[in-house]
């Protein structure tokens, strides 16, 4: 079962790179240097690592049955942090759905 799970994860990573490359057009058409290309690939790799970690957290919390990664991020991106003039940080009001997600992922807001 572990081997099958790892194989499926490999497929998810490959599809993630495909999404980064084609769907959201990660690679700009005006790359001038090889170092720029390497920089973009490095950022894509880091983004994919974070995406895979989020997917693992979602599976562990069984959130993958109700949300896609994009759906979960769309719901959470509505939360805004305001920095007051005195330096204090304050979050906007968190909805019930957002609170359930944050609690399931063991994150505080």
PDB file of N, CA and C in Angstrom:
ATOM      1  N   UNK A   1       0.823  -1.195   0.000  1.00  0.00           N
ATOM      2  CA  UNK A   1       0.000   0.000   0.000  1.00  0.00           C
ATOM      3  C   UNK A   1       0.870   1.263   0.000  1.00  0.00           C
ATOM      4  N   UNK A   2       1.976   1.208   0.756  1.00  0.00           N
ATOM      5  CA  UNK A   2       2.848   2.377   0.820  1.00  0.00           C
ATOM      6  C   UNK A   2       3.481   2.661  -0.545  1.00  0.00           C
ATOM      7  N   UNK A   3       3.899   1.603  -1.232  1.00  0.00           N
ATOM      8  CA  UNK A   3       4.482   1.768  -2.572  1.00  0.00           C
ATOM      9  C   UNK A   3       3.464   2.382  -3.532  1.00  0.00           C
ATOM     10  N   UNK A   4       2.238   1.903  -3.485  1.00  0.00           N
ATOM     11  CA  UNK A   4       1.197   2.440  -4.350  1.00  0.00           C
ATOM     12  C   UNK A   4       0.937   3.910  -4.037  1.00  0.00           C
ATOM     13  N   UNK A   5       0.923   4.233  -2.766  1.00  0.00           N
ATOM     14  CA  UNK A   5       0.706   5.614  -2.350  1.00  0.00           C
ATOM     15  C   UNK A   5       1.837   6.521  -2.857  1.00  0.00           C
ATOM     16  N   UNK A   6       3.083   6.036  -2.737  1.00  0.00           N
ATOM     17  CA  UNK A   6       4.221   6.819  -3.219  1.00  0.00           C
ATOM     18  C   UNK A   6       4.169   6.990  -4.738  1.00  0.00           C
ATOM     19  N   UNK A   7       3.777   5.940  -5.431  1.00  0.00           N
ATOM     20  CA  UNK A   7       3.661   6.020  -6.895  1.00  0.00           C
ATOM     21  C   UNK A   7       2.601   7.042  -7.291  1.00  0.00           C
ATOM     22  N   UNK A   8       1.482   7.018  -6.598  1.00  0.00           N
ATOM     23  CA  UNK A   8       0.424   7.984  -6.902  1.00  0.00           C
ATOM     24  C   UNK A   8       0.868   9.406  -6.585  1.00  0.00           C
ATOM     25  N   UNK A   9       1.667   9.571  -5.530  1.00  0.00           N
ATOM     26  CA  UNK A   9       2.188  10.895  -5.189  1.00  0.00           C
ATOM     27  C   UNK A   9       3.100  11.402  -6.296  1.00  0.00           C
ATOM     28  N   UNK A  10       3.886  10.500  -6.877  1.00  0.00           N
ATOM     29  CA  UNK A  10       4.764  10.866  -7.989  1.00  0.00           C
ATOM     30  C   UNK A  10       3.929  11.403  -9.148  1.00  0.00           C
ATOM     31  N   UNK A  11       2.828  10.744  -9.423  1.00  0.00           N
ATOM     32  CA  UNK A  11       1.937  11.184 -10.489  1.00  0.00           C
ATOM     33  C   UNK A  11       1.371  12.565 -10.185  1.00  0.00           C
ATOM     34  N   UNK A  12       1.035  12.815  -8.932  1.00  0.00           N
ATOM     35  CA  UNK A  12       0.498  14.120  -8.539  1.00  0.00           C
ATOM     36  C   UNK A  12       1.552  15.206  -8.750  1.00  0.00           C
ATOM     37  N   UNK A  13       2.812  14.908  -8.410  1.00  0.00           N
ATOM     38  CA  UNK A  13       3.889  15.875  -8.601  1.00  0.00           C
ATOM     39  C   UNK A  13       4.059  16.190 -10.081  1.00  0.00           C
ATOM     40  N   UNK A  14       4.055  15.153 -10.916  1.00  0.00           N
ATOM     41  CA  UNK A  14       4.195  15.366 -12.358  1.00  0.00           C
ATOM     42  C   UNK A  14       3.040  16.211 -12.903  1.00  0.00           C
ATOM     43  N   UNK A  15       1.836  15.923 -12.435  1.00  0.00           N
ATOM     44  CA  UNK A  15       0.692  16.724 -12.870  1.00  0.00           C
ATOM     45  C   UNK A  15       0.808  18.154 -12.348  1.00  0.00           C
ATOM     46  N   UNK A  16       1.367  18.318 -11.147  1.00  0.00           N
ATOM     47  CA  UNK A  16       1.571  19.657 -10.593  1.00  0.00           C
ATOM     48  C   UNK A  16       2.521  20.482 -11.441  1.00  0.00           C
ATOM     49  N   UNK A  17       3.623  19.867 -11.882  1.00  0.00           N
ATOM     50  CA  UNK A  17       4.540  20.576 -12.771  1.00  0.00           C
ATOM     51  C   UNK A  17       3.855  20.923 -14.088  1.00  0.00           C
ATOM     52  N   UNK A  18       3.035  20.006 -14.592  1.00  0.00           N
ATOM     53  CA  UNK A  18       2.318  20.268 -15.831  1.00  0.00           C
ATOM     54  C   UNK A  18       1.379  21.464 -15.664  1.00  0.00           C
ATOM     55  N   UNK A  19       0.693  21.519 -14.520  1.00  0.00           N
ATOM     56  CA  UNK A  19      -0.199  22.652 -14.247  1.00  0.00           C
ATOM     57  C   UNK A  19       0.603  23.944 -14.168  1.00  0.00           C
ATOM     58  N   UNK A  20       1.738  23.897 -13.452  1.00  0.00           N
ATOM     59  CA  UNK A  20       2.562  25.093 -13.335  1.00  0.00           C
ATOM     60  C   UNK A  20       3.055  25.554 -14.699  1.00  0.00           C
ATOM     61  N   UNK A  21       3.437  24.603 -15.538  1.00  0.00           N
ATOM     62  CA  UNK A  21       3.997  24.936 -16.841  1.00  0.00           C
ATOM     63  C   UNK A  21       2.942  25.412 -17.834  1.00  0.00           C
ATOM     64  N   UNK A  22       1.813  24.721 -17.902  1.00  0.00           N
ATOM     65  CA  UNK A  22       0.828  24.998 -18.945  1.00  0.00           C
ATOM     66  C   UNK A  22      -0.338  25.863 -18.489  1.00  0.00           C
ATOM     67  N   UNK A  23      -0.983  25.486 -17.406  1.00  0.00           N
ATOM     68  CA  UNK A  23      -2.219  26.163 -17.013  1.00  0.00           C
ATOM     69  C   UNK A  23      -1.994  27.564 -16.466  1.00  0.00           C
ATOM     70  N   UNK A  24      -1.006  27.723 -15.615  1.00  0.00           N
ATOM     71  CA  UNK A  24      -0.786  29.065 -15.062  1.00  0.00           C
ATOM     72  C   UNK A  24       0.430  29.735 -15.674  1.00  0.00           C
ATOM     73  N   UNK A  25       0.930  29.150 -16.740  1.00  0.00           N
ATOM     74  CA  UNK A  25       1.997  29.748 -17.525  1.00  0.00           C
ATOM     75  C   UNK A  25       3.129  30.278 -16.654  1.00  0.00           C
ATOM     76  N   UNK A  26       3.728  29.365 -15.898  1.00  0.00           N
ATOM     77  CA  UNK A  26       4.819  29.748 -15.015  1.00  0.00           C
ATOM     78  C   UNK A  26       5.989  30.312 -15.809  1.00  0.00           C
ATOM     79  N   UNK A  27       6.295  29.691 -16.937  1.00  0.00           N
ATOM     80  CA  UNK A  27       7.460  30.101 -17.710  1.00  0.00           C
ATOM     81  C   UNK A  27       7.118  31.294 -18.593  1.00  0.00           C
ATOM     82  N   UNK A  28       7.659  32.451 -18.278  1.00  0.00           N
ATOM     83  CA  UNK A  28       7.393  33.605 -19.128  1.00  0.00           C
ATOM     84  C   UNK A  28       8.089  33.436 -20.483  1.00  0.00           C
ATOM     85  N   UNK A  29       7.554  34.069 -21.480  1.00  0.00           N
ATOM     86  CA  UNK A  29       8.104  33.920 -22.827  1.00  0.00           C
ATOM     87  C   UNK A  29       9.351  34.769 -23.032  1.00  0.00           C
ATOM     88  N   UNK A  30       9.646  35.665 -22.120  1.00  0.00           N
ATOM     89  CA  UNK A  30      10.772  36.570 -22.317  1.00  0.00           C
ATOM     90  C   UNK A  30      11.980  36.245 -21.440  1.00  0.00           C
ATOM     91  N   UNK A  31      12.227  34.977 -21.151  1.00  0.00           N
ATOM     92  CA  UNK A  31      13.408  34.618 -20.370  1.00  0.00           C
ATOM     93  C   UNK A  31      14.654  34.955 -21.175  1.00  0.00           C
ATOM     94  N   UNK A  32      15.562  35.671 -20.564  1.00  0.00           N
ATOM     95  CA  UNK A  32      16.748  36.106 -21.285  1.00  0.00           C
ATOM     96  C   UNK A  32      17.997  35.283 -20.941  1.00  0.00           C
ATOM     97  N   UNK A  33      18.050  34.786 -19.730  1.00  0.00           N
ATOM     98  CA  UNK A  33      19.267  34.078 -19.324  1.00  0.00           C
ATOM     99  C   UNK A  33      18.931  32.709 -18.749  1.00  0.00           C
ATOM    100  N   UNK A  34      19.940  31.875 -18.766  1.00  0.00           N
ATOM    101  CA  UNK A  34      19.809  30.539 -18.203  1.00  0.00           C
ATOM    102  C   UNK A  34      19.576  30.609 -16.692  1.00  0.00           C
ATOM    103  N   UNK A  35      20.191  31.587 -16.036  1.00  0.00           N
ATOM    104  CA  UNK A  35      20.007  31.723 -14.584  1.00  0.00           C
ATOM    105  C   UNK A  35      18.564  32.111 -14.254  1.00  0.00           C
ATOM    106  N   UNK A  36      17.918  32.880 -15.124  1.00  0.00           N
ATOM    107  CA  UNK A  36      16.503  33.223 -14.913  1.00  0.00           C
ATOM    108  C   UNK A  36      15.642  31.970 -14.979  1.00  0.00           C
ATOM    109  N   UNK A  37      15.935  31.124 -15.959  1.00  0.00           N
ATOM    110  CA  UNK A  37      15.201  29.869 -16.089  1.00  0.00           C
ATOM    111  C   UNK A  37      15.376  29.010 -14.844  1.00  0.00           C
ATOM    112  N   UNK A  38      16.610  28.912 -14.366  1.00  0.00           N
ATOM    113  CA  UNK A  38      16.860  28.123 -13.155  1.00  0.00           C
ATOM    114  C   UNK A  38      16.139  28.712 -11.954  1.00  0.00           C
ATOM    115  N   UNK A  39      16.083  30.032 -11.869  1.00  0.00           N
ATOM    116  CA  UNK A  39      15.371  30.686 -10.773  1.00  0.00           C
ATOM    117  C   UNK A  39      13.884  30.368 -10.799  1.00  0.00           C
ATOM    118  N   UNK A  40      13.281  30.440 -11.987  1.00  0.00           N
ATOM    119  CA  UNK A  40      11.859  30.108 -12.127  1.00  0.00           C
ATOM    120  C   UNK A  40      11.599  28.651 -11.770  1.00  0.00           C
ATOM    121  N   UNK A  41      12.472  27.756 -12.209  1.00  0.00           N
ATOM    122  CA  UNK A  41      12.299  26.337 -11.890  1.00  0.00           C
ATOM    123  C   UNK A  41      12.439  26.088 -10.387  1.00  0.00           C
ATOM    124  N   UNK A  42      13.359  26.809  -9.752  1.00  0.00           N
ATOM    125  CA  UNK A  42      13.531  26.665  -8.305  1.00  0.00           C
ATOM    126  C   UNK A  42      12.272  27.103  -7.561  1.00  0.00           C
ATOM    127  N   UNK A  43      11.714  28.243  -7.960  1.00  0.00           N
ATOM    128  CA  UNK A  43      10.488  28.730  -7.322  1.00  0.00           C
ATOM    129  C   UNK A  43       9.343  27.753  -7.552  1.00  0.00           C
ATOM    130  N   UNK A  44       9.259  27.199  -8.772  1.00  0.00           N
ATOM    131  CA  UNK A  44       8.217  26.208  -9.067  1.00  0.00           C
ATOM    132  C   UNK A  44       8.388  24.978  -8.191  1.00  0.00           C
ATOM    133  N   UNK A  45       9.622  24.560  -7.984  1.00  0.00           N
ATOM    134  CA  UNK A  45       9.903  23.395  -7.144  1.00  0.00           C
ATOM    135  C   UNK A  45       9.482  23.653  -5.700  1.00  0.00           C
ATOM    136  N   UNK A  46       9.807  24.810  -5.176  1.00  0.00           N
ATOM    137  CA  UNK A  46       9.407  25.172  -3.800  1.00  0.00           C
ATOM    138  C   UNK A  46       7.885  25.220  -3.688  1.00  0.00           C
ATOM    139  N   UNK A  47       7.225  25.809  -4.688  1.00  0.00           N
ATOM    140  CA  UNK A  47       5.759  25.885  -4.678  1.00  0.00           C
ATOM    141  C   UNK A  47       5.150  24.485  -4.689  1.00  0.00           C
ATOM    142  N   UNK A  48       5.749  23.586  -5.446  1.00  0.00           N
ATOM    143  CA  UNK A  48       5.242  22.222  -5.509  1.00  0.00           C
ATOM    144  C   UNK A  48       5.446  21.489  -4.182  1.00  0.00           C
ATOM    145  N   UNK A  49       6.553  21.734  -3.520  1.00  0.00           N
ATOM    146  CA  UNK A  49       6.792  21.146  -2.192  1.00  0.00           C
ATOM    147  C   UNK A  49       5.699  21.606  -1.223  1.00  0.00           C
ATOM    148  N   UNK A  50       5.407  22.897  -1.231  1.00  0.00           N
ATOM    149  CA  UNK A  50       4.373  23.431  -0.340  1.00  0.00           C
ATOM    150  C   UNK A  50       3.000  22.863  -0.678  1.00  0.00           C
ATOM    151  N   UNK A  51       2.724  22.730  -1.959  1.00  0.00           N
ATOM    152  CA  UNK A  51       1.435  22.160  -2.391  1.00  0.00           C
ATOM    153  C   UNK A  51       1.306  20.715  -1.924  1.00  0.00           C
ATOM    154  N   UNK A  52       2.375  19.922  -2.052  1.00  0.00           N
ATOM    155  CA  UNK A  52       2.344  18.521  -1.635  1.00  0.00           C
ATOM    156  C   UNK A  52       2.173  18.416  -0.112  1.00  0.00           C
ATOM    157  N   UNK A  53       2.812  19.305   0.637  1.00  0.00           N
ATOM    158  CA  UNK A  53       2.653  19.318   2.097  1.00  0.00           C
ATOM    159  C   UNK A  53       1.203  19.632   2.462  1.00  0.00           C
ATOM    160  N   UNK A  54       0.609  20.608   1.779  1.00  0.00           N
ATOM    161  CA  UNK A  54      -0.790  20.945   2.035  1.00  0.00           C
ATOM    162  C   UNK A  54      -1.698  19.768   1.694  1.00  0.00           C
ATOM    163  N   UNK A  55      -1.429  19.105   0.577  1.00  0.00           N
ATOM    164  CA  UNK A  55      -2.235  17.936   0.200  1.00  0.00           C
ATOM    165  C   UNK A  55      -2.143  16.846   1.264  1.00  0.00           C
ATOM    166  N   UNK A  56      -0.938  16.622   1.790  1.00  0.00           N
ATOM    167  CA  UNK A  56      -0.751  15.603   2.839  1.00  0.00           C
ATOM    168  C   UNK A  56      -1.533  15.996   4.090  1.00  0.00           C
ATOM    169  N   UNK A  57      -1.481  17.264   4.452  1.00  0.00           N
ATOM    170  CA  UNK A  57      -2.229  17.730   5.618  1.00  0.00           C
ATOM    171  C   UNK A  57      -3.732  17.571   5.391  1.00  0.00           C
ATOM    172  N   UNK A  58      -4.184  17.853   4.176  1.00  0.00           N
ATOM    173  CA  UNK A  58      -5.606  17.707   3.856  1.00  0.00           C
ATOM    174  C   UNK A  58      -6.033  16.245   3.942  1.00  0.00           C
ATOM    175  N   UNK A  59      -5.217  15.337   3.441  1.00  0.00           N
ATOM    176  CA  UNK A  59      -5.540  13.911   3.491  1.00  0.00           C
ATOM    177  C   UNK A  59      -5.596  13.438   4.932  1.00  0.00           C
ATOM    178  N   UNK A  60      -4.604  13.846   5.737  1.00  0.00           N
ATOM    179  CA  UNK A  60      -4.575  13.446   7.150  1.00  0.00           C
ATOM    180  C   UNK A  60      -5.801  13.956   7.905  1.00  0.00           C
ATOM    181  N   UNK A  61      -6.273  15.148   7.548  1.00  0.00           N
ATOM    182  CA  UNK A  61      -7.439  15.747   8.215  1.00  0.00           C
ATOM    183  C   UNK A  61      -8.743  15.385   7.508  1.00  0.00           C
ATOM    184  N   UNK A  62      -8.650  14.581   6.458  1.00  0.00           N
ATOM    185  CA  UNK A  62      -9.795  14.154   5.649  1.00  0.00           C
ATOM    186  C   UNK A  62     -10.548  15.332   5.026  1.00  0.00           C
ATOM    187  N   UNK A  63      -9.836  16.405   4.755  1.00  0.00           N
ATOM    188  CA  UNK A  63     -10.438  17.550   4.083  1.00  0.00           C
ATOM    189  C   UNK A  63     -10.503  17.348   2.575  1.00  0.00           C
ATOM    190  N   UNK A  64      -9.710  16.394   2.075  1.00  0.00           N
ATOM    191  CA  UNK A  64      -9.685  16.144   0.629  1.00  0.00           C
ATOM    192  C   UNK A  64     -11.012  15.587   0.117  1.00  0.00           C
ATOM    193  N   UNK A  65     -11.858  15.137   1.016  1.00  0.00           N
ATOM    194  CA  UNK A  65     -13.173  14.628   0.609  1.00  0.00           C
ATOM    195  C   UNK A  65     -14.140  15.771   0.321  1.00  0.00           C
ATOM    196  N   UNK A  66     -13.868  16.942   0.899  1.00  0.00           N
ATOM    197  CA  UNK A  66     -14.764  18.085   0.725  1.00  0.00           C
ATOM    198  C   UNK A  66     -14.180  19.205  -0.132  1.00  0.00           C
ATOM    199  N   UNK A  67     -12.839  19.270  -0.215  1.00  0.00           N
ATOM    200  CA  UNK A  67     -12.194  20.378  -0.913  1.00  0.00           C
ATOM    201  C   UNK A  67     -11.090  19.866  -1.834  1.00  0.00           C
ATOM    202  N   UNK A  68     -10.898  20.584  -2.922  1.00  0.00           N
ATOM    203  CA  UNK A  68      -9.677  20.421  -3.710  1.00  0.00           C
ATOM    204  C   UNK A  68      -8.648  21.367  -3.086  1.00  0.00           C
ATOM    205  N   UNK A  69      -7.399  21.247  -3.474  1.00  0.00           N
ATOM    206  CA  UNK A  69      -6.387  22.161  -2.953  1.00  0.00           C
ATOM    207  C   UNK A  69      -6.751  23.601  -3.334  1.00  0.00           C
ATOM    208  N   UNK A  70      -7.162  23.782  -4.577  1.00  0.00           N
ATOM    209  CA  UNK A  70      -7.519  25.123  -5.037  1.00  0.00           C
ATOM    210  C   UNK A  70      -8.733  25.666  -4.284  1.00  0.00           C
ATOM    211  N   UNK A  71      -9.723  24.808  -4.050  1.00  0.00           N
ATOM    212  CA  UNK A  71     -10.910  25.228  -3.317  1.00  0.00           C
ATOM    213  C   UNK A  71     -10.593  25.627  -1.891  1.00  0.00           C
ATOM    214  N   UNK A  72      -9.716  24.859  -1.259  1.00  0.00           N
ATOM    215  CA  UNK A  72      -9.321  25.164   0.113  1.00  0.00           C
ATOM    216  C   UNK A  72      -8.568  26.491   0.162  1.00  0.00           C
ATOM    217  N   UNK A  73      -7.639  26.682  -0.760  1.00  0.00           N
ATOM    218  CA  UNK A  73      -6.879  27.929  -0.787  1.00  0.00           C
ATOM    219  C   UNK A  73      -7.769  29.120  -1.110  1.00  0.00           C
ATOM    220  N   UNK A  74      -8.736  28.929  -1.990  1.00  0.00           N
ATOM    221  CA  UNK A  74      -9.673  30.001  -2.323  1.00  0.00           C
ATOM    222  C   UNK A  74     -10.468  30.423  -1.090  1.00  0.00           C
ATOM    223  N   UNK A  75     -10.881  29.435  -0.311  1.00  0.00           N
ATOM    224  CA  UNK A  75     -11.637  29.743   0.910  1.00  0.00           C
ATOM    225  C   UNK A  75     -10.759  30.481   1.921  1.00  0.00           C
ATOM    226  N   UNK A  76      -9.508  30.052   2.076  1.00  0.00           N
ATOM    227  CA  UNK A  76      -8.635  30.664   3.079  1.00  0.00           C
ATOM    228  C   UNK A  76      -8.053  32.002   2.644  1.00  0.00           C
ATOM    229  N   UNK A  77      -7.980  32.247   1.333  1.00  0.00           N
ATOM    230  CA  UNK A  77      -7.393  33.513   0.901  1.00  0.00           C
ATOM    231  C   UNK A  77      -8.291  34.701   1.219  1.00  0.00           C
ATOM    232  N   UNK A  78      -9.506  34.444   1.634  1.00  0.00           N
ATOM    233  CA  UNK A  78     -10.422  35.524   2.018  1.00  0.00           C
ATOM    234  C   UNK A  78     -10.039  36.131   3.365  1.00  0.00           C
ATOM    235  N   UNK A  79      -9.229  35.401   4.138  1.00  0.00           N
ATOM    236  CA  UNK A  79      -8.777  35.911   5.436  1.00  0.00           C
ATOM    237  C   UNK A  79      -7.692  36.957   5.183  1.00  0.00           C
ATOM    238  N   UNK A  80      -7.853  38.108   5.764  1.00  0.00           N
ATOM    239  CA  UNK A  80      -6.890  39.200   5.602  1.00  0.00           C
ATOM    240  C   UNK A  80      -6.315  39.567   6.961  1.00  0.00           C
ATOM    241  N   UNK A  81      -5.049  39.957   6.958  1.00  0.00           N
ATOM    242  CA  UNK A  81      -4.386  40.425   8.173  1.00  0.00           C
ATOM    243  C   UNK A  81      -4.160  41.927   8.027  1.00  0.00           C
ATOM    244  N   UNK A  82      -4.601  42.657   9.017  1.00  0.00           N
ATOM    245  CA  UNK A  82      -4.407  44.111   9.026  1.00  0.00           C
ATOM    246  C   UNK A  82      -3.341  44.443  10.064  1.00  0.00           C
ATOM    247  N   UNK A  83      -2.448  45.347   9.708  1.00  0.00           N
ATOM    248  CA  UNK A  83      -1.435  45.814  10.652  1.00  0.00           C
ATOM    249  C   UNK A  83      -1.850  47.203  11.098  1.00  0.00           C
ATOM    250  N   UNK A  84      -2.103  47.325  12.380  1.00  0.00           N
ATOM    251  CA  UNK A  84      -2.527  48.598  12.956  1.00  0.00           C
ATOM    252  C   UNK A  84      -1.339  49.544  13.088  1.00  0.00           C
ATOM    253  N   UNK A  85      -1.572  50.826  13.221  1.00  0.00           N
ATOM    254  CA  UNK A  85      -0.464  51.798  13.327  1.00  0.00           C
ATOM    255  C   UNK A  85       0.509  51.489  14.466  1.00  0.00           C
ATOM    256  N   UNK A  86       0.029  50.851  15.529  1.00  0.00           N
ATOM    257  CA  UNK A  86       0.908  50.521  16.649  1.00  0.00           C
ATOM    258  C   UNK A  86       1.680  49.217  16.420  1.00  0.00           C
ATOM    259  N   UNK A  87       1.524  48.600  15.242  1.00  0.00           N
ATOM    260  CA  UNK A  87       2.255  47.377  14.914  1.00  0.00           C
ATOM    261  C   UNK A  87       1.501  46.099  15.229  1.00  0.00           C
ATOM    262  N   UNK A  88       0.388  46.223  15.914  1.00  0.00           N
ATOM    263  CA  UNK A  88      -0.417  45.047  16.261  1.00  0.00           C
ATOM    264  C   UNK A  88      -1.077  44.485  15.002  1.00  0.00           C
ATOM    265  N   UNK A  89      -1.111  43.158  14.901  1.00  0.00           N
ATOM    266  CA  UNK A  89      -1.736  42.495  13.756  1.00  0.00           C
ATOM    267  C   UNK A  89      -3.100  41.979  14.154  1.00  0.00           C
ATOM    268  N   UNK A  90      -4.042  42.129  13.217  1.00  0.00           N
ATOM    269  CA  UNK A  90      -5.412  41.735  13.499  1.00  0.00           C
ATOM    270  C   UNK A  90      -5.998  41.087  12.244  1.00  0.00           C
ATOM    271  N   UNK A  91      -6.598  39.909  12.416  1.00  0.00           N
ATOM    272  CA  UNK A  91      -7.211  39.202  11.292  1.00  0.00           C
ATOM    273  C   UNK A  91      -8.649  39.658  11.115  1.00  0.00           C
ATOM    274  N   UNK A  92      -9.107  39.633   9.858  1.00  0.00           N
ATOM    275  CA  UNK A  92     -10.515  39.908   9.605  1.00  0.00           C
ATOM    276  C   UNK A  92     -11.342  38.783  10.204  1.00  0.00           C
ATOM    277  N   UNK A  93     -12.636  38.973  10.239  1.00  0.00           N
ATOM    278  CA  UNK A  93     -13.516  37.961  10.808  1.00  0.00           C
ATOM    279  C   UNK A  93     -13.376  36.647  10.040  1.00  0.00           C
ATOM    280  N   UNK A  94     -13.299  35.548  10.776  1.00  0.00           N
ATOM    281  CA  UNK A  94     -13.127  34.222  10.176  1.00  0.00           C
ATOM    282  C   UNK A  94     -14.470  33.506  10.184  1.00  0.00           C
ATOM    283  N   UNK A  95     -14.868  33.020   9.012  1.00  0.00           N
ATOM    284  CA  UNK A  95     -16.161  32.346   8.888  1.00  0.00           C
ATOM    285  C   UNK A  95     -16.107  30.968   9.544  1.00  0.00           C
ATOM    286  N   UNK A  96     -17.272  30.378   9.722  1.00  0.00           N
ATOM    287  CA  UNK A  96     -17.361  29.046  10.312  1.00  0.00           C
ATOM    288  C   UNK A  96     -16.602  28.029   9.457  1.00  0.00           C
ATOM    289  N   UNK A  97     -16.760  28.112   8.145  1.00  0.00           N
ATOM    290  CA  UNK A  97     -16.086  27.186   7.234  1.00  0.00           C
ATOM    291  C   UNK A  97     -14.558  27.338   7.332  1.00  0.00           C
ATOM    292  N   UNK A  98     -14.088  28.585   7.381  1.00  0.00           N
ATOM    293  CA  UNK A  98     -12.653  28.834   7.515  1.00  0.00           C
ATOM    294  C   UNK A  98     -12.129  28.313   8.848  1.00  0.00           C
ATOM    295  N   UNK A  99     -12.902  28.508   9.912  1.00  0.00           N
ATOM    296  CA  UNK A  99     -12.506  28.028  11.242  1.00  0.00           C
ATOM    297  C   UNK A  99     -12.396  26.502  11.243  1.00  0.00           C
ATOM    298  N   UNK A 100     -13.345  25.821  10.606  1.00  0.00           N
ATOM    299  CA  UNK A 100     -13.307  24.352  10.528  1.00  0.00           C
ATOM    300  C   UNK A 100     -12.061  23.882   9.790  1.00  0.00           C
ATOM    301  N   UNK A 101     -11.707  24.561   8.708  1.00  0.00           N
ATOM    302  CA  UNK A 101     -10.518  24.194   7.942  1.00  0.00           C
ATOM    303  C   UNK A 101      -9.275  24.397   8.796  1.00  0.00           C
ATOM    304  N   UNK A 102      -9.153  25.568   9.410  1.00  0.00           N
ATOM    305  CA  UNK A 102      -7.977  25.862  10.224  1.00  0.00           C
ATOM    306  C   UNK A 102      -7.846  24.907  11.399  1.00  0.00           C
ATOM    307  N   UNK A 103      -8.970  24.573  12.036  1.00  0.00           N
ATOM    308  CA  UNK A 103      -8.937  23.622  13.143  1.00  0.00           C
ATOM    309  C   UNK A 103      -8.524  22.234  12.671  1.00  0.00           C
ATOM    310  N   UNK A 104      -9.057  21.803  11.526  1.00  0.00           N
ATOM    311  CA  UNK A 104      -8.708  20.479  10.997  1.00  0.00           C
ATOM    312  C   UNK A 104      -7.244  20.392  10.637  1.00  0.00           C
ATOM    313  N   UNK A 105      -6.654  21.491  10.178  1.00  0.00           N
ATOM    314  CA  UNK A 105      -5.231  21.511   9.812  1.00  0.00           C
ATOM    315  C   UNK A 105      -4.345  21.848  11.011  1.00  0.00           C
ATOM    316  N   UNK A 106      -4.941  22.021  12.175  1.00  0.00           N
ATOM    317  CA  UNK A 106      -4.219  22.364  13.419  1.00  0.00           C
ATOM    318  C   UNK A 106      -3.459  23.686  13.270  1.00  0.00           C
ATOM    319  N   UNK A 107      -4.139  24.647  12.678  1.00  0.00           N
ATOM    320  CA  UNK A 107      -3.567  25.996  12.536  1.00  0.00           C
ATOM    321  C   UNK A 107      -4.418  26.955  13.328  1.00  0.00           C
ATOM    322  N   UNK A 108      -3.785  27.948  13.896  1.00  0.00           N
ATOM    323  CA  UNK A 108      -4.562  28.925  14.639  1.00  0.00           C
ATOM    324  C   UNK A 108      -4.608  30.214  13.832  1.00  0.00           C
ATOM    325  N   UNK A 109      -5.620  30.979  14.066  1.00  0.00           N
ATOM    326  CA  UNK A 109      -5.737  32.274  13.381  1.00  0.00           C
ATOM    327  C   UNK A 109      -6.160  33.333  14.367  1.00  0.00           C
TER     328      UNK A 109
END
